[in-house]
Protein backbone atom coordinates (compact mmCIF):
# COMPACT_ATOMS: atom_id res chain seq x y z
CA MET A 1 86.92 20.73 -45.81
CA THR A 2 83.16 21.07 -46.33
CA ASP A 3 81.64 24.45 -47.12
CA ILE A 4 78.56 24.50 -44.90
CA GLY A 5 77.06 27.28 -47.00
CA LYS A 6 76.78 24.86 -49.92
CA MET A 7 74.92 22.19 -47.94
CA ILE A 8 71.53 23.91 -48.37
CA ALA A 9 70.24 24.86 -51.80
CA SER A 10 67.07 26.36 -53.23
CA GLN A 11 66.03 25.88 -56.83
CA PRO A 12 62.70 27.02 -58.27
CA ASP A 13 62.13 23.65 -59.98
CA VAL A 14 62.85 21.55 -56.87
CA LYS A 15 60.24 21.31 -54.11
CA GLY A 16 58.71 24.63 -55.10
CA GLY A 17 61.92 26.50 -54.39
CA ARG A 18 61.99 25.55 -50.73
CA PRO A 19 65.44 25.12 -49.22
CA CYS A 20 66.68 21.53 -49.46
CA ILE A 21 69.71 19.65 -48.37
CA ALA A 22 71.83 19.98 -51.49
CA GLY A 23 71.74 16.99 -53.79
CA THR A 24 68.66 15.52 -52.11
CA GLY A 25 64.95 16.13 -52.20
CA ILE A 26 64.86 16.51 -48.43
CA THR A 27 63.59 19.95 -47.47
CA VAL A 28 64.67 21.92 -44.45
CA HIS A 29 60.96 21.95 -43.58
CA ARG A 30 60.89 18.16 -43.35
CA ILE A 31 63.95 18.09 -41.09
CA VAL A 32 62.45 20.80 -38.90
CA THR A 33 59.15 18.92 -38.65
CA TRP A 34 60.94 15.80 -37.38
CA TYR A 35 63.03 17.92 -35.01
CA LYS A 36 59.94 19.66 -33.59
CA GLN A 37 58.38 16.22 -33.02
CA GLY A 38 61.24 15.45 -30.66
CA PHE A 39 63.64 13.55 -32.89
CA THR A 40 67.33 14.21 -32.34
CA PRO A 41 69.56 15.11 -35.28
CA GLU A 42 71.12 11.65 -34.95
CA GLN A 43 67.70 9.97 -35.17
CA ILE A 44 66.79 12.06 -38.20
CA ALA A 45 70.04 11.13 -39.96
CA ASP A 46 69.34 7.47 -39.16
CA GLU A 47 65.90 7.74 -40.81
CA TYR A 48 67.49 8.85 -44.07
CA ASP A 49 70.33 6.49 -44.89
CA HIS A 50 71.75 8.85 -47.51
CA LEU A 51 72.02 11.84 -45.13
CA LYS A 52 75.05 12.65 -43.09
CA LEU A 53 74.66 14.08 -39.62
CA ALA A 54 76.38 17.28 -40.78
CA GLN A 55 73.62 17.76 -43.39
CA VAL A 56 70.92 17.50 -40.71
CA TYR A 57 72.75 20.03 -38.57
CA ALA A 58 73.13 22.32 -41.60
CA ALA A 59 69.36 22.15 -42.16
CA LEU A 60 68.73 22.97 -38.51
CA ALA A 61 71.23 25.83 -38.63
CA TYR A 62 69.46 27.17 -41.71
CA TYR A 63 66.15 26.92 -39.86
CA HIS A 64 67.45 28.79 -36.83
CA ALA A 65 68.96 31.50 -39.04
CA ASN A 66 65.67 31.87 -40.96
CA GLN A 67 63.21 30.81 -38.28
CA ALA A 68 60.52 33.45 -38.81
CA GLU A 69 60.32 32.77 -42.55
CA ILE A 70 60.20 29.00 -42.18
CA GLU A 71 57.69 29.12 -39.32
CA ALA A 72 55.43 31.29 -41.51
CA GLU A 73 55.69 28.75 -44.35
CA LEU A 74 54.94 25.86 -41.97
CA ALA A 75 51.90 27.74 -40.63
CA ALA A 76 50.69 28.38 -44.19
CA ASP A 77 51.10 24.66 -44.91
CA ASP A 78 48.96 23.85 -41.87
CA VAL A 79 46.24 26.23 -43.06
CA GLU A 80 46.28 24.65 -46.53
CA ILE A 81 46.08 21.14 -45.07
CA GLU A 82 43.12 22.18 -42.93
CA ARG A 83 41.41 23.71 -45.96
CA LEU A 84 41.91 20.56 -48.03
CA GLU A 85 40.65 18.36 -45.21
CA GLN A 86 37.53 20.50 -44.84
CA GLU A 87 36.98 20.43 -48.60
CA GLN A 88 37.28 16.65 -48.67
CA TYR A 89 34.94 16.33 -45.68
CA GLN A 90 32.34 18.49 -47.38
CA GLU A 91 32.62 16.45 -50.59
CA SER A 92 32.19 13.19 -48.65
CA LYS A 93 29.00 14.53 -47.05
CA ILE A 94 27.54 15.32 -50.48
CA ALA A 95 28.39 11.90 -51.98
């Protein structure tokens, strides 16, 4: 029997401490991003040959249990991406 609680792990030295599917470098954030783009859990599992469907569902369960926290992190990522894009645009105008 699989302990679902052990399917998601966070370690400070792996992906900045973000929750990952245990034993992989796949973050819950990445799974959620695919899911929010309209991919089904089955399609996500198919994209990553080494993932089992249960692992994708565990990541989604973790997301739904911690939705506010993860949404805040995703929003912060979007702000950082925008900042970096603007910075690069400004540098390209100078060059």
